[in-house]
C-alpha atoms as a PDB file:
ATOM      1  CA  MET A   1     -45.547  19.186  14.484  1.00  0.00           C
ATOM      2  CA  THR A   2     -45.863  20.026  18.154  1.00  0.00           C
ATOM      3  CA  GLU A   3     -42.971  21.509  20.080  1.00  0.00           C
ATOM      4  CA  GLY A   4     -42.666  18.481  22.368  1.00  0.00           C
ATOM      5  CA  ASN A   5     -42.179  16.129  19.418  1.00  0.00           C
ATOM      6  CA  PHE A   6     -39.378  18.159  17.878  1.00  0.00           C
ATOM      7  CA  VAL A   7     -35.983  16.750  18.825  1.00  0.00           C
ATOM      8  CA  ASP A   8     -32.940  18.212  17.069  1.00  0.00           C
ATOM      9  CA  TYR A   9     -30.001  17.114  19.246  1.00  0.00           C
ATOM     10  CA  ILE A  10     -29.010  13.529  20.088  1.00  0.00           C
ATOM     11  CA  LYS A  11     -25.892  11.898  21.541  1.00  0.00           C
ATOM     12  CA  MET A  12     -25.280   8.222  20.792  1.00  0.00           C
ATOM     13  CA  HIS A  13     -22.671   5.510  21.277  1.00  0.00           C
ATOM     14  CA  VAL A  14     -22.185   3.493  18.092  1.00  0.00           C
ATOM     15  CA  SER A  15     -20.358   0.182  17.840  1.00  0.00           C
ATOM     16  CA  SER A  16     -19.727  -1.759  14.643  1.00  0.00           C
ATOM     17  CA  GLY A  17     -19.277  -5.534  14.498  1.00  0.00           C
ATOM     18  CA  LYS A  18     -15.895  -7.242  14.693  1.00  0.00           C
ATOM     19  CA  GLY A  19     -14.648  -9.308  11.775  1.00  0.00           C
ATOM     20  CA  GLY A  20     -14.929 -13.073  11.872  1.00  0.00           C
ATOM     21  CA  GLN A  21     -11.840 -15.245  12.278  1.00  0.00           C
ATOM     22  CA  GLY A  22     -10.357 -17.052   9.288  1.00  0.00           C
ATOM     23  CA  SER A  23     -10.300 -20.855   9.457  1.00  0.00           C
ATOM     24  CA  ALA A  24      -7.083 -22.918   9.653  1.00  0.00           C
ATOM     25  CA  HIS A  25      -8.837 -26.105   8.517  1.00  0.00           C
ATOM     26  CA  LEU A  26      -7.005 -28.819   6.550  1.00  0.00           C
ATOM     27  CA  HIS A  27      -8.939 -30.851   4.031  1.00  0.00           C
ATOM     28  CA  ARG A  28      -9.819 -34.367   5.198  1.00  0.00           C
ATOM     29  CA  GLU A  29     -12.017 -37.034   3.636  1.00  0.00           C
ATOM     30  CA  LYS A  30     -12.037 -40.757   2.954  1.00  0.00           C
ATOM     31  CA  PHE A  31      -8.857 -41.901   1.199  1.00  0.00           C
ATOM     32  CA  ILE A  32      -7.398 -38.356   1.538  1.00  0.00           C
ATOM     33  CA  GLU A  33      -5.644 -38.205   4.876  1.00  0.00           C
ATOM     34  CA  LYS A  34      -3.394 -35.255   4.157  1.00  0.00           C
ATOM     35  CA  GLY A  35      -5.358 -32.797   2.066  1.00  0.00           C
ATOM     36  CA  GLY A  36      -4.272 -29.204   1.618  1.00  0.00           C
ATOM     37  CA  PRO A  37      -5.492 -26.154   3.501  1.00  0.00           C
ATOM     38  CA  ASP A  38      -9.125 -25.215   2.809  1.00  0.00           C
ATOM     39  CA  GLY A  39     -10.006 -22.822   5.626  1.00  0.00           C
ATOM     40  CA  GLY A  40     -12.457 -20.119   4.600  1.00  0.00           C
ATOM     41  CA  ASP A  41     -12.375 -16.393   5.350  1.00  0.00           C
ATOM     42  CA  GLY A  42     -14.156 -14.738   8.242  1.00  0.00           C
ATOM     43  CA  GLY A  43     -17.159 -12.547   7.530  1.00  0.00           C
ATOM     44  CA  ARG A  44     -17.106  -8.755   7.686  1.00  0.00           C
ATOM     45  CA  GLY A  45     -18.426  -7.065  10.826  1.00  0.00           C
ATOM     46  CA  GLY A  46     -21.619  -5.083  10.469  1.00  0.00           C
ATOM     47  CA  HIS A  47     -21.552  -1.329   9.779  1.00  0.00           C
ATOM     48  CA  ILE A  48     -23.518   1.421  11.524  1.00  0.00           C
ATOM     49  CA  ILE A  49     -25.008   3.388   8.637  1.00  0.00           C
ATOM     50  CA  LEU A  50     -26.870   6.702   8.705  1.00  0.00           C
ATOM     51  CA  ARG A  51     -29.455   7.060   5.945  1.00  0.00           C
ATOM     52  CA  GLY A  52     -31.254  10.225   4.833  1.00  0.00           C
ATOM     53  CA  ASN A  53     -35.045  10.067   4.926  1.00  0.00           C
ATOM     54  CA  SER A  54     -37.029  12.973   3.462  1.00  0.00           C
ATOM     55  CA  ASN A  55     -40.151  11.872   5.359  1.00  0.00           C
ATOM     56  CA  LEU A  56     -38.562  12.634   8.737  1.00  0.00           C
ATOM     57  CA  TRP A  57     -38.538  16.107  10.297  1.00  0.00           C
ATOM     58  CA  THR A  58     -37.117  15.306  13.725  1.00  0.00           C
ATOM     59  CA  LEU A  59     -34.728  13.009  15.614  1.00  0.00           C
ATOM     60  CA  LEU A  60     -37.518  12.011  18.001  1.00  0.00           C
ATOM     61  CA  HIS A  61     -37.358   8.329  16.994  1.00  0.00           C
ATOM     62  CA  LEU A  62     -33.725   8.202  18.196  1.00  0.00           C
ATOM     63  CA  LYS A  63     -34.309  10.068  21.451  1.00  0.00           C
ATOM     64  CA  PHE A  64     -34.153   6.947  23.640  1.00  0.00           C
ATOM     65  CA  LYS A  65     -31.792   4.925  21.426  1.00  0.00           C
ATOM     66  CA  ARG A  66     -28.532   5.724  23.181  1.00  0.00           C
ATOM     67  CA  HIS A  67     -26.599   2.739  21.806  1.00  0.00           C
ATOM     68  CA  ALA A  68     -26.420   1.187  18.338  1.00  0.00           C
ATOM     69  CA  ARG A  69     -24.560  -2.100  17.889  1.00  0.00           C
ATOM     70  CA  ALA A  70     -24.026  -3.975  14.638  1.00  0.00           C
ATOM     71  CA  GLY A  71     -23.627  -7.748  14.318  1.00  0.00           C
ATOM     72  CA  HIS A  72     -20.281  -9.552  14.407  1.00  0.00           C
ATOM     73  CA  GLY A  73     -18.933 -11.374  11.368  1.00  0.00           C
ATOM     74  CA  GLY A  74     -19.090 -15.170  11.363  1.00  0.00           C
ATOM     75  CA  ASN A  75     -15.947 -17.330  11.464  1.00  0.00           C
ATOM     76  CA  GLY A  76     -14.711 -19.072   8.333  1.00  0.00           C
ATOM     77  CA  SER A  77     -15.025 -22.858   8.049  1.00  0.00           C
ATOM     78  CA  LYS A  78     -13.866 -25.814   5.950  1.00  0.00           C
ATOM     79  CA  SER A  79     -14.149 -26.129   2.176  1.00  0.00           C
ATOM     80  CA  ARG A  80     -13.256 -22.479   1.822  1.00  0.00           C
ATOM     81  CA  SER A  81     -16.617 -21.477   3.269  1.00  0.00           C
ATOM     82  CA  SER A  82     -16.652 -17.838   4.270  1.00  0.00           C
ATOM     83  CA  GLY A  83     -18.350 -16.718   7.437  1.00  0.00           C
ATOM     84  CA  ALA A  84     -21.518 -14.667   7.230  1.00  0.00           C
ATOM     85  CA  ASP A  85     -21.197 -10.891   7.265  1.00  0.00           C
ATOM     86  CA  GLY A  86     -22.416  -9.186  10.426  1.00  0.00           C
ATOM     87  CA  GLU A  87     -25.811  -7.499  10.237  1.00  0.00           C
ATOM     88  CA  ASP A  88     -25.633  -3.792   9.330  1.00  0.00           C
ATOM     89  CA  VAL A  89     -27.645  -1.324  11.419  1.00  0.00           C
ATOM     90  CA  TYR A  90     -29.374   1.495   9.551  1.00  0.00           C
ATOM     91  CA  LEU A  91     -30.360   4.669  11.389  1.00  0.00           C
ATOM     92  CA  ASP A  92     -32.731   6.871   9.386  1.00  0.00           C
ATOM     93  CA  VAL A  93     -32.252  10.596   9.978  1.00  0.00           C
ATOM     94  CA  PRO A  94     -33.945  13.710   8.560  1.00  0.00           C
ATOM     95  CA  LEU A  95     -32.247  15.703   5.826  1.00  0.00           C
ATOM     96  CA  GLY A  96     -30.063  18.420   7.290  1.00  0.00           C
ATOM     97  CA  THR A  97     -28.540  16.210   9.996  1.00  0.00           C
ATOM     98  CA  VAL A  98     -24.951  17.086  10.924  1.00  0.00           C
ATOM     99  CA  VAL A  99     -22.850  14.283  12.473  1.00  0.00           C
ATOM    100  CA  LYS A 100     -20.067  15.231  14.885  1.00  0.00           C
ATOM    101  CA  ASP A 101     -17.503  13.391  16.972  1.00  0.00           C
ATOM    102  CA  THR A 102     -18.720  14.073  20.507  1.00  0.00           C
ATOM    103  CA  GLU A 103     -15.246  14.181  22.030  1.00  0.00           C
ATOM    104  CA  THR A 104     -13.494  16.450  19.489  1.00  0.00           C
ATOM    105  CA  GLU A 105     -16.624  18.200  18.118  1.00  0.00           C
ATOM    106  CA  GLU A 106     -15.218  17.605  14.624  1.00  0.00           C
ATOM    107  CA  VAL A 107     -17.895  17.556  11.914  1.00  0.00           C
ATOM    108  CA  LEU A 108     -17.705  14.119  10.280  1.00  0.00           C
ATOM    109  CA  PHE A 109     -20.304  14.634   7.539  1.00  0.00           C
ATOM    110  CA  GLU A 110     -23.787  15.926   6.778  1.00  0.00           C
ATOM    111  CA  ILE A 111     -26.822  14.124   5.395  1.00  0.00           C
ATOM    112  CA  THR A 112     -28.578  16.348   2.853  1.00  0.00           C
ATOM    113  CA  GLU A 113     -30.135  13.970   0.279  1.00  0.00           C
ATOM    114  CA  ASP A 114     -32.895  11.402   0.432  1.00  0.00           C
ATOM    115  CA  HIS A 115     -31.555   7.801   0.654  1.00  0.00           C
ATOM    116  CA  GLU A 116     -28.002   9.109   1.087  1.00  0.00           C
ATOM    117  CA  GLU A 117     -26.017   6.549   3.128  1.00  0.00           C
ATOM    118  CA  ARG A 118     -22.891   7.248   5.168  1.00  0.00           C
ATOM    119  CA  ILE A 119     -21.011   4.771   7.370  1.00  0.00           C
ATOM    120  CA  VAL A 120     -20.402   6.210  10.827  1.00  0.00           C
ATOM    121  CA  ALA A 121     -18.796   3.071  12.320  1.00  0.00           C
ATOM    122  CA  GLN A 122     -17.144   0.641   9.911  1.00  0.00           C
ATOM    123  CA  GLY A 123     -17.259  -3.065  10.636  1.00  0.00           C
ATOM    124  CA  GLY A 124     -13.973  -4.937  11.071  1.00  0.00           C
ATOM    125  CA  ARG A 125     -12.723  -6.940   8.086  1.00  0.00           C
ATOM    126  CA  GLY A 126     -12.854 -10.703   8.314  1.00  0.00           C
ATOM    127  CA  GLY A 127      -9.604 -12.631   8.684  1.00  0.00           C
ATOM    128  CA  LEU A 128      -8.204 -14.638   5.765  1.00  0.00           C
ATOM    129  CA  GLY A 129      -8.378 -18.438   5.862  1.00  0.00           C
ATOM    130  CA  ASN A 130      -5.239 -20.567   5.736  1.00  0.00           C
ATOM    131  CA  TRP A 131      -5.625 -21.479   2.061  1.00  0.00           C
ATOM    132  CA  HIS A 132      -4.499 -17.895   1.216  1.00  0.00           C
ATOM    133  CA  PHE A 133      -1.100 -18.609   2.804  1.00  0.00           C
ATOM    134  CA  LYS A 134      -0.133 -21.832   1.066  1.00  0.00           C
ATOM    135  CA  SER A 135       2.940 -21.740  -1.132  1.00  0.00           C
ATOM    136  CA  SER A 136       5.490 -24.061  -2.626  1.00  0.00           C
ATOM    137  CA  THR A 137       7.547 -23.854   0.534  1.00  0.00           C
ATOM    138  CA  ASN A 138       4.627 -23.876   2.975  1.00  0.00           C
ATOM    139  CA  GLN A 139       2.050 -26.312   1.659  1.00  0.00           C
ATOM    140  CA  THR A 140       0.091 -26.854   4.861  1.00  0.00           C
ATOM    141  CA  PRO A 141      -0.099 -23.590   6.796  1.00  0.00           C
ATOM    142  CA  ARG A 142      -1.812 -24.223  10.124  1.00  0.00           C
ATOM    143  CA  TYR A 143      -2.641 -20.620  10.861  1.00  0.00           C
ATOM    144  CA  ALA A 144      -5.169 -18.043   9.706  1.00  0.00           C
ATOM    145  CA  GLN A 145      -5.848 -14.370  10.295  1.00  0.00           C
ATOM    146  CA  PRO A 146      -8.008 -13.170  13.160  1.00  0.00           C
ATOM    147  CA  GLY A 147     -10.761 -10.723  12.256  1.00  0.00           C
ATOM    148  CA  GLU A 148     -10.271  -6.987  12.726  1.00  0.00           C
ATOM    149  CA  PRO A 149     -11.687  -5.534  15.957  1.00  0.00           C
ATOM    150  CA  LEU A 150     -14.868  -3.509  16.070  1.00  0.00           C
ATOM    151  CA  ASN A 151     -14.948   0.288  15.878  1.00  0.00           C
ATOM    152  CA  GLU A 152     -16.850   2.309  18.450  1.00  0.00           C
ATOM    153  CA  SER A 153     -17.271   6.011  19.123  1.00  0.00           C
ATOM    154  CA  ASP A 154     -19.564   8.610  20.617  1.00  0.00           C
ATOM    155  CA  ILE A 155     -21.348  10.768  18.065  1.00  0.00           C
ATOM    156  CA  THR A 156     -23.619  13.788  18.226  1.00  0.00           C
ATOM    157  CA  LEU A 157     -26.462  14.298  15.762  1.00  0.00           C
ATOM    158  CA  GLU A 158     -27.565  17.890  15.215  1.00  0.00           C
ATOM    159  CA  LEU A 159     -30.475  18.752  12.963  1.00  0.00           C
ATOM    160  CA  LYS A 160     -30.400  21.960  10.955  1.00  0.00           C
ATOM    161  CA  ILE A 161     -33.852  22.517   9.534  1.00  0.00           C
ATOM    162  CA  LEU A 162     -34.252  22.407   5.764  1.00  0.00           C
ATOM    163  CA  ALA A 163     -37.109  24.835   5.050  1.00  0.00           C
ATOM    164  CA  ASP A 164     -38.021  27.181   2.219  1.00  0.00           C
ATOM    165  CA  VAL A 165     -38.877  30.133   4.480  1.00  0.00           C
ATOM    166  CA  GLY A 166     -37.483  30.789   7.961  1.00  0.00           C
ATOM    167  CA  LEU A 167     -39.180  33.279  10.285  1.00  0.00           C
ATOM    168  CA  VAL A 168     -36.655  35.499  12.063  1.00  0.00           C
ATOM    169  CA  GLY A 169     -37.462  37.977  14.802  1.00  0.00           C
ATOM    170  CA  PHE A 170     -37.244  38.951  18.434  1.00  0.00           C
ATOM    171  CA  PRO A 171     -39.320  37.053  20.991  1.00  0.00           C
ATOM    172  CA  ASN A 172     -43.057  37.759  20.855  1.00  0.00           C
ATOM    173  CA  ALA A 173     -42.920  39.238  17.333  1.00  0.00           C
ATOM    174  CA  GLY A 174     -45.834  37.093  16.131  1.00  0.00           C
ATOM    175  CA  LYS A 175     -43.926  34.335  14.337  1.00  0.00           C
ATOM    176  CA  SER A 176     -45.891  31.435  15.829  1.00  0.00           C
ATOM    177  CA  THR A 177     -49.200  33.192  15.174  1.00  0.00           C
ATOM    178  CA  LEU A 178     -48.289  33.701  11.520  1.00  0.00           C
ATOM    179  CA  LEU A 179     -47.258  30.043  11.168  1.00  0.00           C
ATOM    180  CA  SER A 180     -50.567  28.903  12.693  1.00  0.00           C
ATOM    181  CA  VAL A 181     -52.508  31.080  10.221  1.00  0.00           C
ATOM    182  CA  VAL A 182     -50.732  30.127   6.977  1.00  0.00           C
ATOM    183  CA  THR A 183     -50.214  26.415   7.789  1.00  0.00           C
ATOM    184  CA  SER A 184     -51.907  23.616   9.708  1.00  0.00           C
ATOM    185  CA  ALA A 185     -49.205  23.693  12.394  1.00  0.00           C
ATOM    186  CA  LYS A 186     -50.348  24.258  15.968  1.00  0.00           C
ATOM    187  CA  PRO A 187     -47.418  25.978  17.712  1.00  0.00           C
ATOM    188  CA  LYS A 188     -47.697  27.139  21.303  1.00  0.00           C
ATOM    189  CA  ILE A 189     -48.914  30.750  21.334  1.00  0.00           C
ATOM    190  CA  ALA A 190     -49.000  33.072  24.346  1.00  0.00           C
ATOM    191  CA  ASP A 191     -48.496  36.737  25.162  1.00  0.00           C
ATOM    192  CA  TYR A 192     -45.037  36.425  26.695  1.00  0.00           C
ATOM    193  CA  GLU A 193     -41.480  36.154  25.409  1.00  0.00           C
ATOM    194  CA  PHE A 194     -39.859  32.815  24.535  1.00  0.00           C
ATOM    195  CA  THR A 195     -43.172  30.997  24.183  1.00  0.00           C
ATOM    196  CA  THR A 196     -41.430  29.033  21.417  1.00  0.00           C
ATOM    197  CA  LEU A 197     -38.373  27.145  22.644  1.00  0.00           C
ATOM    198  CA  LYS A 198     -38.024  24.746  19.713  1.00  0.00           C
ATOM    199  CA  PRO A 199     -38.554  25.288  15.973  1.00  0.00           C
ATOM    200  CA  ASN A 200     -41.944  24.523  14.476  1.00  0.00           C
ATOM    201  CA  LEU A 201     -42.510  23.480  10.870  1.00  0.00           C
ATOM    202  CA  GLY A 202     -45.577  23.927   8.729  1.00  0.00           C
ATOM    203  CA  ILE A 203     -46.509  23.376   5.097  1.00  0.00           C
ATOM    204  CA  VAL A 204     -47.991  26.445   3.402  1.00  0.00           C
ATOM    205  CA  GLU A 205     -50.631  25.522   0.825  1.00  0.00           C
ATOM    206  CA  TYR A 206     -50.431  27.763  -2.215  1.00  0.00           C
ATOM    207  CA  ARG A 207     -52.470  27.975  -5.401  1.00  0.00           C
ATOM    208  CA  ASP A 208     -52.941  24.933  -7.670  1.00  0.00           C
ATOM    209  CA  PHE A 209     -52.038  22.493  -4.877  1.00  0.00           C
ATOM    210  CA  GLN A 210     -48.483  23.807  -4.667  1.00  0.00           C
ATOM    211  CA  THR A 211     -46.769  24.024  -1.295  1.00  0.00           C
ATOM    212  CA  PHE A 212     -43.670  25.303   0.474  1.00  0.00           C
ATOM    213  CA  VAL A 213     -42.273  24.747   3.957  1.00  0.00           C
ATOM    214  CA  MET A 214     -42.133  27.480   6.592  1.00  0.00           C
ATOM    215  CA  ALA A 215     -40.160  27.253   9.846  1.00  0.00           C
ATOM    216  CA  ASP A 216     -40.864  29.241  13.009  1.00  0.00           C
ATOM    217  CA  ILE A 217     -37.455  29.762  14.629  1.00  0.00           C
ATOM    218  CA  PRO A 218     -37.414  30.650  18.362  1.00  0.00           C
ATOM    219  CA  GLY A 219     -36.863  34.338  19.054  1.00  0.00           C
ATOM    220  CA  ILE A 220     -33.357  35.778  18.777  1.00  0.00           C
ATOM    221  CA  ILE A 221     -31.982  38.182  21.377  1.00  0.00           C
ATOM    222  CA  GLU A 222     -29.096  40.630  21.112  1.00  0.00           C
ATOM    223  CA  GLY A 223     -25.870  38.729  21.764  1.00  0.00           C
ATOM    224  CA  ALA A 224     -27.218  35.431  20.406  1.00  0.00           C
ATOM    225  CA  ALA A 225     -24.184  35.019  18.101  1.00  0.00           C
ATOM    226  CA  GLU A 226     -21.992  34.811  21.208  1.00  0.00           C
ATOM    227  CA  GLY A 227     -24.258  32.139  22.655  1.00  0.00           C
ATOM    228  CA  LYS A 228     -26.292  34.453  24.885  1.00  0.00           C
ATOM    229  CA  GLY A 229     -29.547  32.810  25.907  1.00  0.00           C
ATOM    230  CA  LEU A 230     -29.877  29.824  23.585  1.00  0.00           C
ATOM    231  CA  GLY A 231     -28.320  31.695  20.675  1.00  0.00           C
ATOM    232  CA  HIS A 232     -26.332  28.974  18.911  1.00  0.00           C
ATOM    233  CA  TYR A 233     -29.130  26.482  19.505  1.00  0.00           C
ATOM    234  CA  PHE A 234     -31.555  28.759  17.614  1.00  0.00           C
ATOM    235  CA  LEU A 235     -29.289  30.277  14.972  1.00  0.00           C
ATOM    236  CA  ARG A 236     -28.116  26.996  13.446  1.00  0.00           C
ATOM    237  CA  HIS A 237     -31.676  26.330  12.254  1.00  0.00           C
ATOM    238  CA  ILE A 238     -31.640  29.449  10.081  1.00  0.00           C
ATOM    239  CA  GLU A 239     -28.579  28.337   8.071  1.00  0.00           C
ATOM    240  CA  ARG A 240     -30.532  26.013   5.758  1.00  0.00           C
ATOM    241  CA  ASN A 241     -33.551  28.237   4.986  1.00  0.00           C
ATOM    242  CA  SER A 242     -33.794  29.535   1.424  1.00  0.00           C
ATOM    243  CA  ILE A 243     -35.554  32.798   2.350  1.00  0.00           C
ATOM    244  CA  LEU A 244     -35.418  34.728   5.614  1.00  0.00           C
ATOM    245  CA  LEU A 245     -38.647  36.519   6.542  1.00  0.00           C
ATOM    246  CA  PHE A 246     -37.927  39.084   9.253  1.00  0.00           C
ATOM    247  CA  LEU A 247     -40.953  39.696  11.460  1.00  0.00           C
ATOM    248  CA  ILE A 248     -40.954  43.027  13.296  1.00  0.00           C
ATOM    249  CA  PRO A 249     -44.065  44.195  15.192  1.00  0.00           C
ATOM    250  CA  ALA A 250     -45.658  47.490  14.194  1.00  0.00           C
ATOM    251  CA  ASP A 251     -45.407  48.772  17.789  1.00  0.00           C
ATOM    252  CA  ALA A 252     -41.605  48.408  17.866  1.00  0.00           C
ATOM    253  CA  LYS A 253     -39.818  51.582  18.983  1.00  0.00           C
ATOM    254  CA  ASP A 254     -37.429  51.541  16.011  1.00  0.00           C
ATOM    255  CA  ILE A 255     -38.172  49.065  13.203  1.00  0.00           C
ATOM    256  CA  ARG A 256     -34.932  49.760  11.288  1.00  0.00           C
ATOM    257  CA  LYS A 257     -32.857  49.284  14.449  1.00  0.00           C
ATOM    258  CA  GLN A 258     -34.513  45.937  15.208  1.00  0.00           C
ATOM    259  CA  TYR A 259     -33.799  44.773  11.657  1.00  0.00           C
ATOM    260  CA  ASP A 260     -30.144  45.876  11.911  1.00  0.00           C
ATOM    261  CA  ILE A 261     -29.682  44.032  15.230  1.00  0.00           C
ATOM    262  CA  LEU A 262     -31.192  40.819  13.845  1.00  0.00           C
ATOM    263  CA  LEU A 263     -29.106  41.030  10.674  1.00  0.00           C
ATOM    264  CA  ASP A 264     -25.948  41.704  12.679  1.00  0.00           C
ATOM    265  CA  GLU A 265     -26.542  38.605  14.852  1.00  0.00           C
ATOM    266  CA  LEU A 266     -26.906  36.465  11.727  1.00  0.00           C
ATOM    267  CA  LYS A 267     -23.779  37.998  10.187  1.00  0.00           C
ATOM    268  CA  ARG A 268     -21.664  37.377  13.294  1.00  0.00           C
ATOM    269  CA  TYR A 269     -22.872  33.784  13.559  1.00  0.00           C
ATOM    270  CA  ASN A 270     -22.294  32.987   9.883  1.00  0.00           C
ATOM    271  CA  PRO A 271     -21.512  35.699   7.267  1.00  0.00           C
ATOM    272  CA  GLU A 272     -22.944  33.469   4.525  1.00  0.00           C
ATOM    273  CA  MET A 273     -26.412  34.172   5.949  1.00  0.00           C
ATOM    274  CA  LEU A 274     -26.273  37.580   4.251  1.00  0.00           C
ATOM    275  CA  ASP A 275     -26.337  35.861   0.850  1.00  0.00           C
ATOM    276  CA  LYS A 276     -29.891  34.637   1.428  1.00  0.00           C
ATOM    277  CA  GLU A 277     -32.993  36.344   0.051  1.00  0.00           C
ATOM    278  CA  ARG A 278     -34.566  38.549   2.724  1.00  0.00           C
ATOM    279  CA  MET A 279     -37.875  40.298   3.263  1.00  0.00           C
ATOM    280  CA  ILE A 280     -39.472  42.186   6.164  1.00  0.00           C
ATOM    281  CA  ALA A 281     -43.045  41.733   7.363  1.00  0.00           C
ATOM    282  CA  ILE A 282     -44.380  44.406   9.746  1.00  0.00           C
ATOM    283  CA  SER A 283     -46.600  42.249  11.968  1.00  0.00           C
ATOM    284  CA  LYS A 284     -49.501  43.260  14.246  1.00  0.00           C
ATOM    285  CA  SER A 285     -50.365  46.051  11.801  1.00  0.00           C
ATOM    286  CA  ASP A 286     -54.053  45.768  12.744  1.00  0.00           C
ATOM    287  CA  MET A 287     -53.077  48.125  15.583  1.00  0.00           C
ATOM    288  CA  LEU A 288     -52.465  50.900  13.016  1.00  0.00           C
ATOM    289  CA  ASP A 289     -55.208  52.965  11.459  1.00  0.00           C
ATOM    290  CA  GLU A 290     -54.822  54.114   7.854  1.00  0.00           C
ATOM    291  CA  GLU A 291     -53.295  57.445   8.816  1.00  0.00           C
ATOM    292  CA  LEU A 292     -50.681  55.920  11.135  1.00  0.00           C
ATOM    293  CA  GLN A 293     -49.788  53.251   8.577  1.00  0.00           C
ATOM    294  CA  ALA A 294     -49.345  55.890   5.859  1.00  0.00           C
ATOM    295  CA  GLU A 295     -47.000  57.890   8.119  1.00  0.00           C
ATOM    296  CA  LEU A 296     -45.011  54.782   9.054  1.00  0.00           C
ATOM    297  CA  LYS A 297     -44.783  53.713   5.402  1.00  0.00           C
ATOM    298  CA  GLN A 298     -43.410  57.122   4.447  1.00  0.00           C
ATOM    299  CA  GLU A 299     -40.712  56.753   7.090  1.00  0.00           C
ATOM    300  CA  LEU A 300     -39.869  53.120   6.262  1.00  0.00           C
ATOM    301  CA  ASP A 301     -39.533  53.855   2.538  1.00  0.00           C
ATOM    302  CA  LYS A 302     -36.563  56.040   3.441  1.00  0.00           C
ATOM    303  CA  THR A 303     -34.916  53.768   6.021  1.00  0.00           C
ATOM    304  CA  LEU A 304     -35.505  50.086   5.189  1.00  0.00           C
ATOM    305  CA  PRO A 305     -33.012  48.694   2.642  1.00  0.00           C
ATOM    306  CA  ILE A 306     -35.149  45.746   1.454  1.00  0.00           C
ATOM    307  CA  ASN A 307     -38.757  45.017   0.502  1.00  0.00           C
ATOM    308  CA  TYR A 308     -41.315  45.079   3.288  1.00  0.00           C
ATOM    309  CA  MET A 309     -45.070  44.801   3.731  1.00  0.00           C
ATOM    310  CA  PHE A 310     -47.662  45.228   6.450  1.00  0.00           C
ATOM    311  CA  ILE A 311     -49.457  42.120   7.722  1.00  0.00           C
ATOM    312  CA  SER A 312     -51.731  41.058  10.542  1.00  0.00           C
ATOM    313  CA  SER A 313     -52.150  37.363  11.290  1.00  0.00           C
ATOM    314  CA  ILE A 314     -55.159  37.952  13.549  1.00  0.00           C
ATOM    315  CA  ALA A 315     -57.012  40.177  11.058  1.00  0.00           C
ATOM    316  CA  GLN A 316     -55.791  38.149   8.032  1.00  0.00           C
ATOM    317  CA  LYS A 317     -54.400  41.357   6.596  1.00  0.00           C
ATOM    318  CA  GLY A 318     -51.869  40.979   3.796  1.00  0.00           C
ATOM    319  CA  ILE A 319     -51.553  37.201   4.249  1.00  0.00           C
ATOM    320  CA  VAL A 320     -52.456  36.294   0.653  1.00  0.00           C
ATOM    321  CA  GLU A 321     -50.102  38.973  -0.686  1.00  0.00           C
ATOM    322  CA  LEU A 322     -47.348  37.655   1.606  1.00  0.00           C
ATOM    323  CA  LYS A 323     -47.751  34.125   0.198  1.00  0.00           C
ATOM    324  CA  ASP A 324     -47.605  35.525  -3.346  1.00  0.00           C
ATOM    325  CA  LYS A 325     -44.374  37.410  -2.671  1.00  0.00           C
ATOM    326  CA  LEU A 326     -42.713  34.465  -0.943  1.00  0.00           C
ATOM    327  CA  TRP A 327     -43.707  32.104  -3.745  1.00  0.00           C
ATOM    328  CA  LYS A 328     -42.320  34.524  -6.350  1.00  0.00           C
ATOM    329  CA  MET A 329     -39.035  34.843  -4.410  1.00  0.00           C
ATOM    330  CA  LEU A 330     -38.720  31.062  -4.119  1.00  0.00           C
ATOM    331  CA  ASN A 331     -39.271  30.517  -7.825  1.00  0.00           C
ATOM    332  CA  ASP A 332     -37.190  33.416  -9.096  1.00  0.00           C
END
């Protein structure tokens, strides 16, 4: 998926249908001049329904759909005939979509399962026909209920990526290059910071036709948890990843310090992030000769608190071993 096609934030105005009016009809036919009430009920207004779709990865298809309006319910008629229900409007969204009230920013619900349906704007109920109101003391009621009004609101859709492995690192750490090597994704790659401004997804093909999903998250900077740069915009995509793969370049001044800063940003944004499986990949290790790598390994064995390995996307160094370790972590 290209960066330009990835849309993860949409604002919409949704409007359900109003309920149909109940009928106040009185039965009339040949030889029956004063029949009883037989007005039918009004139809229900249409709902606006969000539906999970596992085949979608982006909100791109809703980018230019700023309004969604459901159909109105039909009015009731004679012979107790109910009006037709208004047409429901279904909006398919990718799994991991969070729905918020735009005005209050309250989280209404999340869509996390395929074919899961949630009503975001409920249609008005249809009014009751006059036959519901007849009684021994009121045998010919000449009134019926009006339908309920429509419901409308402004909502915000935010996508939090559902991926097996999320790549975490500072800008220009080699995340996009790794994704391009292990998957068929074609992320934008360049030798400057913040080349990636939107997440990229790719499917990693493993042995025996097995696969897992990897997400390239835009680079994090110190202070991202407080919203510095585009911190919140980036960090929310890491919440739904099963495994966090920290990418730190071999030429970093202090690898342990970079890891601690990244971990601290995740912790301050959401402490639950620390419960996820983590692993460190020392990228761009083709710059190290055997002697330098041995010295660095000796130092890292003492300082790094979790498993790590040396890789190079350009030289294809350690890529197969990296896939093996990630697959084992996912299935353990």
